[in-house]
Amino acid sequence: MIIIDPTIIEGCIRGERRAQHTLYQACYVPLMKVCRQYTTDDQEAAAYLNEGF
């Protein structure tokens, strides 16, 4: 389970780049695991993840 501080979400809503980067870093590993279930190619999995963001 990913737990995100509500201030990070609020910052993302306001368009703050630092908050967006923090959210991306917090979600990267768990979401890459999900993406890797659909492809064995790491670059393709990363592309899926980035498209989702």
Protein backbone atom coordinates (compact mmCIF):
# COMPACT_ATOMS: atom_id res chain seq x y z
CA MET A 1 0.00 0.00 0.00
CA ILE A 2 1.26 3.44 -0.92
CA ILE A 3 0.69 6.11 1.73
CA ILE A 4 0.99 9.65 0.41
CA ASP A 5 0.99 12.76 2.60
CA PRO A 6 -2.09 14.85 1.74
CA THR A 7 0.10 17.94 1.36
CA ILE A 8 1.83 16.22 -1.58
CA ILE A 9 -1.54 15.68 -3.28
CA GLU A 10 -2.52 19.29 -2.61
CA GLY A 11 0.78 20.44 -4.10
CA CYS A 12 0.16 18.33 -7.20
CA ILE A 13 -3.28 19.86 -7.61
CA ARG A 14 -1.65 23.32 -7.48
CA GLY A 15 0.84 22.21 -10.14
CA GLU A 16 3.92 22.27 -7.92
CA ARG A 17 6.74 20.42 -9.69
CA ARG A 18 8.47 19.37 -6.46
CA ALA A 19 5.25 17.75 -5.18
CA GLN A 20 4.74 16.00 -8.52
CA HIS A 21 8.29 14.64 -8.39
CA THR A 22 7.82 13.46 -4.80
CA LEU A 23 4.60 11.66 -5.77
CA TYR A 24 6.31 10.03 -8.75
CA GLN A 25 9.18 8.80 -6.57
CA ALA A 26 6.80 7.42 -3.94
CA CYS A 27 4.75 5.51 -6.50
CA TYR A 28 7.47 4.37 -8.89
CA VAL A 29 8.52 1.03 -7.35
CA PRO A 30 5.04 -0.34 -6.53
CA LEU A 31 3.60 0.75 -9.87
CA MET A 32 6.55 -0.69 -11.81
CA LYS A 33 5.75 -4.04 -10.20
CA VAL A 34 2.24 -3.77 -11.62
CA CYS A 35 3.50 -2.75 -15.06
CA ARG A 36 5.98 -5.64 -15.12
CA GLN A 37 3.06 -8.05 -14.81
CA TYR A 38 2.04 -6.98 -18.32
CA THR A 39 5.48 -7.04 -19.97
CA THR A 40 8.91 -8.49 -19.30
CA ASP A 41 10.65 -5.55 -21.00
CA ASP A 42 11.69 -2.98 -18.36
CA GLN A 43 11.71 -0.10 -20.84
CA GLU A 44 8.20 -0.92 -21.98
CA ALA A 45 7.05 -1.22 -18.36
CA ALA A 46 8.54 2.20 -17.60
CA ALA A 47 6.77 3.60 -20.66
CA TYR A 48 3.45 2.23 -19.39
CA LEU A 49 4.08 3.75 -15.98
CA ASN A 50 4.96 7.16 -17.42
CA GLU A 51 1.94 7.10 -19.70
CA GLY A 52 -0.22 6.41 -16.66
CA PHE A 53 1.18 9.41 -14.87
